[in-house]
C-alpha cells in the first residue's frame, strides 16, 4: 500500500506539472516543472524523502529500461541523423561539457551545504 501511495504522489505531481506547463505563456517542459515542484515540496518539507524513497529507488534502479523505446525509435531516423551528423556531434559534445560543468557545480554546492549544516 505504501508504494501505491508513493507512485500516486509522483504521478499526481506529474499531472499537476502538465497542467502548469499548459497554463504557462511560454513553452516549458512539464517534466522540468514536475522536478521543480518536487524540489519545492522537499525543501519546504511538505514531502519528506522517506515518502518517495522506495518508489524513486525502484525507478532509478530500472532507469535503463525507460530508454529502450527511445533508442528503438531513433533507429527509424538513421538517414536523417546521418545527413546532419556534424551538427549532431557538436551539439552532443557541447551539451556533454555543459552537463559535466553543471554536475560539478551542483556537487560542489551540495558539499558546501553539507559542511555548513554539520557546523
PDB file of N, CA and C in Angstrom:
ATOM      1  N   UNK A   1       0.820  -1.198   0.000  1.00  0.00           N
ATOM      2  CA  UNK A   1       0.000   0.000   0.000  1.00  0.00           C
ATOM      3  C   UNK A   1       0.864   1.261   0.000  1.00  0.00           C
ATOM      4  N   UNK A   2       1.995   1.188   0.703  1.00  0.00           N
ATOM      5  CA  UNK A   2       2.889   2.335   0.804  1.00  0.00           C
ATOM      6  C   UNK A   2       3.434   2.738  -0.562  1.00  0.00           C
ATOM      7  N   UNK A   3       3.825   1.747  -1.363  1.00  0.00           N
ATOM      8  CA  UNK A   3       4.373   2.027  -2.683  1.00  0.00           C
ATOM      9  C   UNK A   3       3.301   2.612  -3.598  1.00  0.00           C
ATOM     10  N   UNK A   4       2.070   2.153  -3.475  1.00  0.00           N
ATOM     11  CA  UNK A   4       0.983   2.701  -4.294  1.00  0.00           C
ATOM     12  C   UNK A   4       0.779   4.177  -3.976  1.00  0.00           C
ATOM     13  N   UNK A   5       0.861   4.540  -2.703  1.00  0.00           N
ATOM     14  CA  UNK A   5       0.737   5.946  -2.317  1.00  0.00           C
ATOM     15  C   UNK A   5       1.903   6.772  -2.862  1.00  0.00           C
ATOM     16  N   UNK A   6       3.105   6.199  -2.826  1.00  0.00           N
ATOM     17  CA  UNK A   6       4.274   6.909  -3.353  1.00  0.00           C
ATOM     18  C   UNK A   6       4.138   7.125  -4.855  1.00  0.00           C
ATOM     19  N   UNK A   7       3.712   6.096  -5.566  1.00  0.00           N
ATOM     20  CA  UNK A   7       3.502   6.225  -7.007  1.00  0.00           C
ATOM     21  C   UNK A   7       2.397   7.240  -7.284  1.00  0.00           C
ATOM     22  N   UNK A   8       1.351   7.209  -6.491  1.00  0.00           N
ATOM     23  CA  UNK A   8       0.263   8.180  -6.640  1.00  0.00           C
ATOM     24  C   UNK A   8       0.742   9.606  -6.446  1.00  0.00           C
ATOM     25  N   UNK A   9       1.612   9.812  -5.458  1.00  0.00           N
ATOM     26  CA  UNK A   9       2.172  11.139  -5.223  1.00  0.00           C
ATOM     27  C   UNK A   9       2.991  11.606  -6.418  1.00  0.00           C
ATOM     28  N   UNK A  10       3.861  10.729  -6.935  1.00  0.00           N
ATOM     29  CA  UNK A  10       4.698  11.103  -8.075  1.00  0.00           C
ATOM     30  C   UNK A  10       3.867  11.340  -9.338  1.00  0.00           C
ATOM     31  N   UNK A  11       2.888  10.481  -9.595  1.00  0.00           N
ATOM     32  CA  UNK A  11       2.032  10.680 -10.766  1.00  0.00           C
ATOM     33  C   UNK A  11       1.153  11.924 -10.607  1.00  0.00           C
ATOM     34  N   UNK A  12       0.718  12.199  -9.373  1.00  0.00           N
ATOM     35  CA  UNK A  12      -0.047  13.420  -9.119  1.00  0.00           C
ATOM     36  C   UNK A  12       0.782  14.661  -9.420  1.00  0.00           C
ATOM     37  N   UNK A  13       2.047  14.629  -9.016  1.00  0.00           N
ATOM     38  CA  UNK A  13       2.949  15.736  -9.332  1.00  0.00           C
ATOM     39  C   UNK A  13       3.133  15.866 -10.840  1.00  0.00           C
ATOM     40  N   UNK A  14       3.243  14.752 -11.528  1.00  0.00           N
ATOM     41  CA  UNK A  14       3.369  14.786 -12.998  1.00  0.00           C
ATOM     42  C   UNK A  14       2.132  15.410 -13.634  1.00  0.00           C
ATOM     43  N   UNK A  15       0.960  15.044 -13.152  1.00  0.00           N
ATOM     44  CA  UNK A  15      -0.281  15.593 -13.696  1.00  0.00           C
ATOM     45  C   UNK A  15      -0.382  17.089 -13.409  1.00  0.00           C
ATOM     46  N   UNK A  16      -0.020  17.491 -12.203  1.00  0.00           N
ATOM     47  CA  UNK A  16      -0.027  18.907 -11.852  1.00  0.00           C
ATOM     48  C   UNK A  16       0.975  19.682 -12.708  1.00  0.00           C
ATOM     49  N   UNK A  17       2.139  19.107 -12.918  1.00  0.00           N
ATOM     50  CA  UNK A  17       3.162  19.747 -13.744  1.00  0.00           C
ATOM     51  C   UNK A  17       2.675  19.906 -15.178  1.00  0.00           C
ATOM     52  N   UNK A  18       1.957  18.924 -15.685  1.00  0.00           N
ATOM     53  CA  UNK A  18       1.404  19.012 -17.040  1.00  0.00           C
ATOM     54  C   UNK A  18       0.422  20.170 -17.132  1.00  0.00           C
ATOM     55  N   UNK A  19      -0.421  20.324 -16.115  1.00  0.00           N
ATOM     56  CA  UNK A  19      -1.382  21.428 -16.098  1.00  0.00           C
ATOM     57  C   UNK A  19      -0.672  22.775 -16.025  1.00  0.00           C
ATOM     58  N   UNK A  20       0.342  22.873 -15.168  1.00  0.00           N
ATOM     59  CA  UNK A  20       1.099  24.117 -15.041  1.00  0.00           C
ATOM     60  C   UNK A  20       1.796  24.455 -16.350  1.00  0.00           C
ATOM     61  N   UNK A  21       2.394  23.466 -16.996  1.00  0.00           N
ATOM     62  CA  UNK A  21       3.098  23.696 -18.256  1.00  0.00           C
ATOM     63  C   UNK A  21       2.148  24.178 -19.349  1.00  0.00           C
ATOM     64  N   UNK A  22       0.917  23.706 -19.354  1.00  0.00           N
ATOM     65  CA  UNK A  22      -0.053  24.144 -20.353  1.00  0.00           C
ATOM     66  C   UNK A  22      -0.521  25.573 -20.109  1.00  0.00           C
ATOM     67  N   UNK A  23      -0.536  25.999 -18.850  1.00  0.00           N
ATOM     68  CA  UNK A  23      -1.004  27.335 -18.496  1.00  0.00           C
ATOM     69  C   UNK A  23       0.074  28.400 -18.722  1.00  0.00           C
ATOM     70  N   UNK A  24       1.328  28.002 -18.652  1.00  0.00           N
ATOM     71  CA  UNK A  24       2.419  28.963 -18.820  1.00  0.00           C
ATOM     72  C   UNK A  24       2.332  29.638 -20.186  1.00  0.00           C
ATOM     73  N   UNK A  25       2.647  30.940 -20.244  1.00  0.00           N
ATOM     74  CA  UNK A  25       2.556  31.657 -21.528  1.00  0.00           C
ATOM     75  C   UNK A  25       3.712  31.371 -22.487  1.00  0.00           C
ATOM     76  N   UNK A  26       4.657  30.556 -22.073  1.00  0.00           N
ATOM     77  CA  UNK A  26       5.800  30.202 -22.914  1.00  0.00           C
ATOM     78  C   UNK A  26       5.990  28.691 -22.829  1.00  0.00           C
ATOM     79  N   UNK A  27       6.573  28.095 -23.862  1.00  0.00           N
ATOM     80  CA  UNK A  27       6.761  26.635 -23.822  1.00  0.00           C
ATOM     81  C   UNK A  27       7.803  26.239 -22.787  1.00  0.00           C
ATOM     82  N   UNK A  28       7.454  25.284 -21.945  1.00  0.00           N
ATOM     83  CA  UNK A  28       8.350  24.793 -20.899  1.00  0.00           C
ATOM     84  C   UNK A  28       7.995  23.339 -20.653  1.00  0.00           C
ATOM     85  N   UNK A  29       8.988  22.444 -20.579  1.00  0.00           N
ATOM     86  CA  UNK A  29       8.687  21.017 -20.434  1.00  0.00           C
ATOM     87  C   UNK A  29       8.018  20.699 -19.096  1.00  0.00           C
ATOM     88  N   UNK A  30       6.972  19.937 -19.164  1.00  0.00           N
ATOM     89  CA  UNK A  30       6.245  19.556 -17.953  1.00  0.00           C
ATOM     90  C   UNK A  30       7.128  18.728 -17.019  1.00  0.00           C
ATOM     91  N   UNK A  31       8.054  17.953 -17.573  1.00  0.00           N
ATOM     92  CA  UNK A  31       8.930  17.146 -16.719  1.00  0.00           C
ATOM     93  C   UNK A  31       9.815  18.031 -15.838  1.00  0.00           C
ATOM     94  N   UNK A  32      10.269  19.151 -16.382  1.00  0.00           N
ATOM     95  CA  UNK A  32      11.089  20.079 -15.603  1.00  0.00           C
ATOM     96  C   UNK A  32      10.226  20.773 -14.545  1.00  0.00           C
ATOM     97  N   UNK A  33       9.006  21.129 -14.916  1.00  0.00           N
ATOM     98  CA  UNK A  33       8.085  21.730 -13.953  1.00  0.00           C
ATOM     99  C   UNK A  33       7.842  20.754 -12.802  1.00  0.00           C
ATOM    100  N   UNK A  34       7.665  19.480 -13.126  1.00  0.00           N
ATOM    101  CA  UNK A  34       7.461  18.461 -12.097  1.00  0.00           C
ATOM    102  C   UNK A  34       8.651  18.332 -11.167  1.00  0.00           C
ATOM    103  N   UNK A  35       9.857  18.360 -11.721  1.00  0.00           N
ATOM    104  CA  UNK A  35      11.051  18.300 -10.878  1.00  0.00           C
ATOM    105  C   UNK A  35      11.154  19.517  -9.976  1.00  0.00           C
ATOM    106  N   UNK A  36      10.811  20.688 -10.506  1.00  0.00           N
ATOM    107  CA  UNK A  36      10.838  21.905  -9.693  1.00  0.00           C
ATOM    108  C   UNK A  36       9.794  21.822  -8.575  1.00  0.00           C
ATOM    109  N   UNK A  37       8.602  21.348  -8.899  1.00  0.00           N
ATOM    110  CA  UNK A  37       7.573  21.178  -7.868  1.00  0.00           C
ATOM    111  C   UNK A  37       8.014  20.200  -6.780  1.00  0.00           C
ATOM    112  N   UNK A  38       8.609  19.089  -7.189  1.00  0.00           N
ATOM    113  CA  UNK A  38       9.094  18.113  -6.215  1.00  0.00           C
ATOM    114  C   UNK A  38      10.195  18.711  -5.355  1.00  0.00           C
ATOM    115  N   UNK A  39      11.101  19.467  -5.963  1.00  0.00           N
ATOM    116  CA  UNK A  39      12.159  20.125  -5.203  1.00  0.00           C
ATOM    117  C   UNK A  39      11.577  21.091  -4.181  1.00  0.00           C
ATOM    118  N   UNK A  40      10.595  21.882  -4.601  1.00  0.00           N
ATOM    119  CA  UNK A  40       9.960  22.827  -3.672  1.00  0.00           C
ATOM    120  C   UNK A  40       9.299  22.085  -2.521  1.00  0.00           C
ATOM    121  N   UNK A  41       8.598  21.003  -2.826  1.00  0.00           N
ATOM    122  CA  UNK A  41       7.947  20.216  -1.768  1.00  0.00           C
ATOM    123  C   UNK A  41       8.966  19.600  -0.813  1.00  0.00           C
ATOM    124  N   UNK A  42      10.104  19.148  -1.344  1.00  0.00           N
ATOM    125  CA  UNK A  42      11.136  18.571  -0.483  1.00  0.00           C
ATOM    126  C   UNK A  42      11.814  19.649   0.363  1.00  0.00           C
ATOM    127  N   UNK A  43      12.090  20.806  -0.216  1.00  0.00           N
ATOM    128  CA  UNK A  43      12.752  21.878   0.531  1.00  0.00           C
ATOM    129  C   UNK A  43      11.853  22.460   1.619  1.00  0.00           C
ATOM    130  N   UNK A  44      10.555  22.538   1.344  1.00  0.00           N
ATOM    131  CA  UNK A  44       9.626  23.060   2.345  1.00  0.00           C
ATOM    132  C   UNK A  44       9.173  21.978   3.326  1.00  0.00           C
ATOM    133  N   UNK A  45       9.665  20.771   3.130  1.00  0.00           N
ATOM    134  CA  UNK A  45       9.379  19.611   3.982  1.00  0.00           C
ATOM    135  C   UNK A  45       7.899  19.227   4.005  1.00  0.00           C
ATOM    136  N   UNK A  46       7.181  19.598   2.936  1.00  0.00           N
ATOM    137  CA  UNK A  46       5.807  19.113   2.777  1.00  0.00           C
ATOM    138  C   UNK A  46       5.829  17.635   2.402  1.00  0.00           C
ATOM    139  N   UNK A  47       6.852  17.264   1.640  1.00  0.00           N
ATOM    140  CA  UNK A  47       7.104  15.864   1.306  1.00  0.00           C
ATOM    141  C   UNK A  47       8.483  15.547   1.839  1.00  0.00           C
ATOM    142  N   UNK A  48       8.578  14.468   2.578  1.00  0.00           N
ATOM    143  CA  UNK A  48       9.868  14.049   3.113  1.00  0.00           C
ATOM    144  C   UNK A  48      10.451  12.959   2.200  1.00  0.00           C
ATOM    145  N   UNK A  49      11.756  12.814   2.264  1.00  0.00           N
ATOM    146  CA  UNK A  49      12.427  11.857   1.381  1.00  0.00           C
ATOM    147  C   UNK A  49      11.860  10.451   1.576  1.00  0.00           C
ATOM    148  N   UNK A  50      11.571  10.072   2.826  1.00  0.00           N
ATOM    149  CA  UNK A  50      11.074   8.714   3.050  1.00  0.00           C
ATOM    150  C   UNK A  50       9.679   8.499   2.451  1.00  0.00           C
ATOM    151  N   UNK A  51       8.988   9.583   2.095  1.00  0.00           N
ATOM    152  CA  UNK A  51       7.680   9.440   1.450  1.00  0.00           C
ATOM    153  C   UNK A  51       7.793   8.905   0.022  1.00  0.00           C
ATOM    154  N   UNK A  52       8.950   9.109  -0.602  1.00  0.00           N
ATOM    155  CA  UNK A  52       9.104   8.707  -2.007  1.00  0.00           C
ATOM    156  C   UNK A  52      10.320   7.817  -2.235  1.00  0.00           C
ATOM    157  N   UNK A  53      11.015   7.436  -1.165  1.00  0.00           N
ATOM    158  CA  UNK A  53      12.276   6.718  -1.306  1.00  0.00           C
ATOM    159  C   UNK A  53      12.156   5.390  -2.042  1.00  0.00           C
ATOM    160  N   UNK A  54      11.231   4.521  -1.649  1.00  0.00           N
ATOM    161  CA  UNK A  54      11.153   3.186  -2.244  1.00  0.00           C
ATOM    162  C   UNK A  54      10.831   3.245  -3.738  1.00  0.00           C
ATOM    163  N   UNK A  55       9.862   4.080  -4.093  1.00  0.00           N
ATOM    164  CA  UNK A  55       9.487   4.184  -5.500  1.00  0.00           C
ATOM    165  C   UNK A  55      10.590   4.828  -6.319  1.00  0.00           C
ATOM    166  N   UNK A  56      11.210   5.873  -5.784  1.00  0.00           N
ATOM    167  CA  UNK A  56      12.279   6.523  -6.541  1.00  0.00           C
ATOM    168  C   UNK A  56      13.489   5.608  -6.684  1.00  0.00           C
ATOM    169  N   UNK A  57      13.807   4.828  -5.654  1.00  0.00           N
ATOM    170  CA  UNK A  57      14.900   3.856  -5.773  1.00  0.00           C
ATOM    171  C   UNK A  57      14.597   2.808  -6.841  1.00  0.00           C
ATOM    172  N   UNK A  58      13.350   2.355  -6.879  1.00  0.00           N
ATOM    173  CA  UNK A  58      12.957   1.387  -7.906  1.00  0.00           C
ATOM    174  C   UNK A  58      13.084   1.987  -9.306  1.00  0.00           C
ATOM    175  N   UNK A  59      12.565   3.211  -9.482  1.00  0.00           N
ATOM    176  CA  UNK A  59      12.621   3.854 -10.795  1.00  0.00           C
ATOM    177  C   UNK A  59      14.065   4.106 -11.226  1.00  0.00           C
ATOM    178  N   UNK A  60      14.909   4.550 -10.307  1.00  0.00           N
ATOM    179  CA  UNK A  60      16.312   4.783 -10.639  1.00  0.00           C
ATOM    180  C   UNK A  60      17.039   3.479 -10.936  1.00  0.00           C
ATOM    181  N   UNK A  61      16.693   2.429 -10.222  1.00  0.00           N
ATOM    182  CA  UNK A  61      17.329   1.136 -10.447  1.00  0.00           C
ATOM    183  C   UNK A  61      16.985   0.534 -11.800  1.00  0.00           C
ATOM    184  N   UNK A  62      15.830   0.899 -12.329  1.00  0.00           N
ATOM    185  CA  UNK A  62      15.380   0.361 -13.616  1.00  0.00           C
ATOM    186  C   UNK A  62      15.398   1.405 -14.723  1.00  0.00           C
ATOM    187  N   UNK A  63      16.128   2.475 -14.532  1.00  0.00           N
ATOM    188  CA  UNK A  63      16.177   3.574 -15.486  1.00  0.00           C
ATOM    189  C   UNK A  63      16.569   3.155 -16.902  1.00  0.00           C
ATOM    190  N   UNK A  64      17.533   2.250 -17.081  1.00  0.00           N
ATOM    191  CA  UNK A  64      17.900   1.883 -18.464  1.00  0.00           C
ATOM    192  C   UNK A  64      16.729   1.331 -19.287  1.00  0.00           C
ATOM    193  N   UNK A  65      15.777   0.678 -18.648  1.00  0.00           N
ATOM    194  CA  UNK A  65      14.641   0.130 -19.389  1.00  0.00           C
ATOM    195  C   UNK A  65      13.774   1.222 -20.009  1.00  0.00           C
ATOM    196  N   UNK A  66      13.783   2.416 -19.399  1.00  0.00           N
ATOM    197  CA  UNK A  66      12.977   3.509 -19.927  1.00  0.00           C
ATOM    198  C   UNK A  66      13.563   4.091 -21.211  1.00  0.00           C
ATOM    199  N   UNK A  67      14.834   3.801 -21.496  1.00  0.00           N
ATOM    200  CA  UNK A  67      15.472   4.326 -22.691  1.00  0.00           C
ATOM    201  C   UNK A  67      15.368   3.380 -23.886  1.00  0.00           C
ATOM    202  N   UNK A  68      14.893   2.173 -23.684  1.00  0.00           N
ATOM    203  CA  UNK A  68      14.779   1.217 -24.788  1.00  0.00           C
ATOM    204  C   UNK A  68      13.807   1.708 -25.862  1.00  0.00           C
ATOM    205  N   UNK A  69      12.597   2.156 -25.537  1.00  0.00           N
ATOM    206  CA  UNK A  69      11.694   2.622 -26.600  1.00  0.00           C
ATOM    207  C   UNK A  69      12.256   3.815 -27.374  1.00  0.00           C
ATOM    208  N   UNK A  70      12.918   4.726 -26.674  1.00  0.00           N
ATOM    209  CA  UNK A  70      13.502   5.892 -27.336  1.00  0.00           C
ATOM    210  C   UNK A  70      14.599   5.446 -28.292  1.00  0.00           C
ATOM    211  N   UNK A  71      15.430   4.540 -27.857  1.00  0.00           N
ATOM    212  CA  UNK A  71      16.524   4.058 -28.704  1.00  0.00           C
ATOM    213  C   UNK A  71      16.001   3.354 -29.944  1.00  0.00           C
ATOM    214  N   UNK A  72      14.968   2.577 -29.794  1.00  0.00           N
ATOM    215  CA  UNK A  72      14.387   1.882 -30.938  1.00  0.00           C
ATOM    216  C   UNK A  72      13.762   2.889 -31.902  1.00  0.00           C
ATOM    217  N   UNK A  73      13.123   3.916 -31.361  1.00  0.00           N
ATOM    218  CA  UNK A  73      12.516   4.937 -32.224  1.00  0.00           C
ATOM    219  C   UNK A  73      13.564   5.700 -33.013  1.00  0.00           C
ATOM    220  N   UNK A  74      14.717   5.930 -32.425  1.00  0.00           N
ATOM    221  CA  UNK A  74      15.794   6.646 -33.123  1.00  0.00           C
ATOM    222  C   UNK A  74      16.241   5.861 -34.356  1.00  0.00           C
ATOM    223  N   UNK A  75      16.176   4.557 -34.300  1.00  0.00           N
ATOM    224  CA  UNK A  75      16.614   3.728 -35.423  1.00  0.00           C
ATOM    225  C   UNK A  75      15.814   4.035 -36.699  1.00  0.00           C
ATOM    226  N   UNK A  76      14.592   4.522 -36.567  1.00  0.00           N
ATOM    227  CA  UNK A  76      13.782   4.857 -37.735  1.00  0.00           C
ATOM    228  C   UNK A  76      14.314   6.083 -38.466  1.00  0.00           C
ATOM    229  N   UNK A  77      15.123   6.884 -37.788  1.00  0.00           N
ATOM    230  CA  UNK A  77      15.583   8.150 -38.362  1.00  0.00           C
ATOM    231  C   UNK A  77      17.089   8.174 -38.605  1.00  0.00           C
ATOM    232  N   UNK A  78      17.693   7.023 -38.843  1.00  0.00           N
ATOM    233  CA  UNK A  78      19.138   6.972 -39.058  1.00  0.00           C
ATOM    234  C   UNK A  78      19.574   7.784 -40.278  1.00  0.00           C
ATOM    235  N   UNK A  79      18.796   7.787 -41.346  1.00  0.00           N
ATOM    236  CA  UNK A  79      19.181   8.569 -42.531  1.00  0.00           C
ATOM    237  C   UNK A  79      19.178  10.068 -42.226  1.00  0.00           C
ATOM    238  N   UNK A  80      18.223  10.538 -41.445  1.00  0.00           N
ATOM    239  CA  UNK A  80      18.184  11.941 -41.053  1.00  0.00           C
ATOM    240  C   UNK A  80      19.362  12.294 -40.150  1.00  0.00           C
ATOM    241  N   UNK A  81      19.688  11.411 -39.226  1.00  0.00           N
ATOM    242  CA  UNK A  81      20.828  11.625 -38.333  1.00  0.00           C
ATOM    243  C   UNK A  81      22.119  11.641 -39.135  1.00  0.00           C
ATOM    244  N   UNK A  82      22.242  10.755 -40.094  1.00  0.00           N
ATOM    245  CA  UNK A  82      23.442  10.693 -40.933  1.00  0.00           C
ATOM    246  C   UNK A  82      23.619  11.980 -41.729  1.00  0.00           C
ATOM    247  N   UNK A  83      22.533  12.557 -42.223  1.00  0.00           N
ATOM    248  CA  UNK A  83      22.599  13.793 -43.005  1.00  0.00           C
ATOM    249  C   UNK A  83      23.084  14.981 -42.171  1.00  0.00           C
ATOM    250  N   UNK A  84      22.796  14.945 -40.896  1.00  0.00           N
ATOM    251  CA  UNK A  84      23.140  16.065 -40.006  1.00  0.00           C
ATOM    252  C   UNK A  84      24.109  15.626 -38.904  1.00  0.00           C
ATOM    253  N   UNK A  85      24.976  14.699 -39.219  1.00  0.00           N
ATOM    254  CA  UNK A  85      25.874  14.115 -38.218  1.00  0.00           C
ATOM    255  C   UNK A  85      26.813  15.140 -37.595  1.00  0.00           C
ATOM    256  N   UNK A  86      27.358  16.055 -38.377  1.00  0.00           N
ATOM    257  CA  UNK A  86      28.306  17.036 -37.841  1.00  0.00           C
ATOM    258  C   UNK A  86      27.629  17.932 -36.800  1.00  0.00           C
ATOM    259  N   UNK A  87      26.471  18.455 -37.137  1.00  0.00           N
ATOM    260  CA  UNK A  87      25.742  19.303 -36.184  1.00  0.00           C
ATOM    261  C   UNK A  87      25.349  18.504 -34.950  1.00  0.00           C
ATOM    262  N   UNK A  88      24.935  17.277 -35.166  1.00  0.00           N
ATOM    263  CA  UNK A  88      24.540  16.416 -34.060  1.00  0.00           C
ATOM    264  C   UNK A  88      25.714  16.169 -33.106  1.00  0.00           C
ATOM    265  N   UNK A  89      26.887  15.902 -33.651  1.00  0.00           N
ATOM    266  CA  UNK A  89      28.067  15.660 -32.821  1.00  0.00           C
ATOM    267  C   UNK A  89      28.484  16.907 -32.048  1.00  0.00           C
ATOM    268  N   UNK A  90      28.427  18.069 -32.695  1.00  0.00           N
ATOM    269  CA  UNK A  90      28.770  19.323 -31.996  1.00  0.00           C
ATOM    270  C   UNK A  90      27.802  19.567 -30.845  1.00  0.00           C
ATOM    271  N   UNK A  91      26.532  19.387 -31.103  1.00  0.00           N
ATOM    272  CA  UNK A  91      25.531  19.583 -30.051  1.00  0.00           C
ATOM    273  C   UNK A  91      25.756  18.605 -28.909  1.00  0.00           C
ATOM    274  N   UNK A  92      26.046  17.359 -29.226  1.00  0.00           N
ATOM    275  CA  UNK A  92      26.297  16.360 -28.183  1.00  0.00           C
ATOM    276  C   UNK A  92      27.527  16.712 -27.349  1.00  0.00           C
ATOM    277  N   UNK A  93      28.593  17.155 -27.994  1.00  0.00           N
ATOM    278  CA  UNK A  93      29.816  17.485 -27.259  1.00  0.00           C
ATOM    279  C   UNK A  93      29.614  18.719 -26.375  1.00  0.00           C
ATOM    280  N   UNK A  94      28.978  19.745 -26.912  1.00  0.00           N
ATOM    281  CA  UNK A  94      28.744  20.961 -26.121  1.00  0.00           C
ATOM    282  C   UNK A  94      27.822  20.668 -24.947  1.00  0.00           C
ATOM    283  N   UNK A  95      26.747  19.929 -25.183  1.00  0.00           N
ATOM    284  CA  UNK A  95      25.820  19.627 -24.091  1.00  0.00           C
ATOM    285  C   UNK A  95      26.462  18.723 -23.050  1.00  0.00           C
ATOM    286  N   UNK A  96      27.369  17.842 -23.466  1.00  0.00           N
ATOM    287  CA  UNK A  96      28.079  16.995 -22.511  1.00  0.00           C
ATOM    288  C   UNK A  96      28.976  17.830 -21.607  1.00  0.00           C
ATOM    289  N   UNK A  97      29.714  18.767 -22.195  1.00  0.00           N
ATOM    290  CA  UNK A  97      30.582  19.635 -21.397  1.00  0.00           C
ATOM    291  C   UNK A  97      29.748  20.479 -20.430  1.00  0.00           C
ATOM    292  N   UNK A  98      28.639  21.033 -20.907  1.00  0.00           N
ATOM    293  CA  UNK A  98      27.772  21.828 -20.041  1.00  0.00           C
ATOM    294  C   UNK A  98      27.167  20.986 -18.913  1.00  0.00           C
ATOM    295  N   UNK A  99      26.803  19.757 -19.244  1.00  0.00           N
ATOM    296  CA  UNK A  99      26.256  18.868 -18.221  1.00  0.00           C
ATOM    297  C   UNK A  99      27.296  18.530 -17.169  1.00  0.00           C
ATOM    298  N   UNK A 100      28.527  18.239 -17.611  1.00  0.00           N
ATOM    299  CA  UNK A 100      29.604  17.982 -16.652  1.00  0.00           C
ATOM    300  C   UNK A 100      29.816  19.186 -15.757  1.00  0.00           C
ATOM    301  N   UNK A 101      29.828  20.379 -16.342  1.00  0.00           N
ATOM    302  CA  UNK A 101      30.024  21.600 -15.557  1.00  0.00           C
ATOM    303  C   UNK A 101      28.910  21.819 -14.546  1.00  0.00           C
ATOM    304  N   UNK A 102      27.672  21.626 -14.984  1.00  0.00           N
ATOM    305  CA  UNK A 102      26.535  21.795 -14.073  1.00  0.00           C
ATOM    306  C   UNK A 102      26.564  20.760 -12.961  1.00  0.00           C
ATOM    307  N   UNK A 103      26.941  19.534 -13.295  1.00  0.00           N
ATOM    308  CA  UNK A 103      27.031  18.486 -12.278  1.00  0.00           C
ATOM    309  C   UNK A 103      28.129  18.798 -11.268  1.00  0.00           C
ATOM    310  N   UNK A 104      29.276  19.243 -11.757  1.00  0.00           N
ATOM    311  CA  UNK A 104      30.373  19.605 -10.851  1.00  0.00           C
ATOM    312  C   UNK A 104      29.957  20.749  -9.945  1.00  0.00           C
ATOM    313  N   UNK A 105      29.277  21.734 -10.486  1.00  0.00           N
ATOM    314  CA  UNK A 105      28.794  22.845  -9.669  1.00  0.00           C
ATOM    315  C   UNK A 105      27.785  22.395  -8.626  1.00  0.00           C
ATOM    316  N   UNK A 106      26.873  21.506  -9.010  1.00  0.00           N
ATOM    317  CA  UNK A 106      25.869  21.011  -8.068  1.00  0.00           C
ATOM    318  C   UNK A 106      26.517  20.194  -6.954  1.00  0.00           C
ATOM    319  N   UNK A 107      27.490  19.371  -7.303  1.00  0.00           N
ATOM    320  CA  UNK A 107      28.190  18.565  -6.287  1.00  0.00           C
ATOM    321  C   UNK A 107      28.959  19.471  -5.338  1.00  0.00           C
ATOM    322  N   UNK A 108      29.659  20.466  -5.880  1.00  0.00           N
ATOM    323  CA  UNK A 108      30.403  21.403  -5.041  1.00  0.00           C
ATOM    324  C   UNK A 108      29.467  22.142  -4.094  1.00  0.00           C
ATOM    325  N   UNK A 109      28.340  22.620  -4.609  1.00  0.00           N
ATOM    326  CA  UNK A 109      27.370  23.314  -3.774  1.00  0.00           C
ATOM    327  C   UNK A 109      26.810  22.398  -2.693  1.00  0.00           C
ATOM    328  N   UNK A 110      26.509  21.163  -3.055  1.00  0.00           N
ATOM    329  CA  UNK A 110      25.982  20.201  -2.081  1.00  0.00           C
ATOM    330  C   UNK A 110      26.996  19.932  -0.978  1.00  0.00           C
ATOM    331  N   UNK A 111      28.247  19.756  -1.336  1.00  0.00           N
ATOM    332  CA  UNK A 111      29.294  19.513  -0.332  1.00  0.00           C
ATOM    333  C   UNK A 111      29.413  20.706   0.600  1.00  0.00           C
ATOM    334  N   UNK A 112      29.394  21.914   0.051  1.00  0.00           N
ATOM    335  CA  UNK A 112      29.473  23.119   0.896  1.00  0.00           C
ATOM    336  C   UNK A 112      28.287  23.211   1.840  1.00  0.00           C
ATOM    337  N   UNK A 113      27.095  22.949   1.329  1.00  0.00           N
ATOM    338  CA  UNK A 113      25.905  22.995   2.185  1.00  0.00           C
ATOM    339  C   UNK A 113      25.949  21.935   3.273  1.00  0.00           C
ATOM    340  N   UNK A 114      26.441  20.735   2.938  1.00  0.00           N
ATOM    341  CA  UNK A 114      26.535  19.677   3.933  1.00  0.00           C
ATOM    342  C   UNK A 114      27.560  20.030   5.006  1.00  0.00           C
ATOM    343  N   UNK A 115      28.678  20.632   4.628  1.00  0.00           N
ATOM    344  CA  UNK A 115      29.666  21.057   5.609  1.00  0.00           C
ATOM    345  C   UNK A 115      29.119  22.152   6.500  1.00  0.00           C
ATOM    346  N   UNK A 116      28.398  23.095   5.910  1.00  0.00           N
ATOM    347  CA  UNK A 116      27.805  24.181   6.690  1.00  0.00           C
ATOM    348  C   UNK A 116      26.777  23.643   7.673  1.00  0.00           C
ATOM    349  N   UNK A 117      26.022  22.624   7.241  1.00  0.00           N
ATOM    350  CA  UNK A 117      24.993  22.028   8.093  1.00  0.00           C
ATOM    351  C   UNK A 117      25.614  21.300   9.283  1.00  0.00           C
ATOM    352  N   UNK A 118      26.772  20.675   9.079  1.00  0.00           N
ATOM    353  CA  UNK A 118      27.450  19.957  10.165  1.00  0.00           C
ATOM    354  C   UNK A 118      27.978  20.895  11.238  1.00  0.00           C
ATOM    355  N   UNK A 119      28.371  22.104  10.825  1.00  0.00           N
ATOM    356  CA  UNK A 119      28.931  23.085  11.780  1.00  0.00           C
ATOM    357  C   UNK A 119      27.900  23.723  12.594  1.00  0.00           C
TER     358      UNK A 119
END
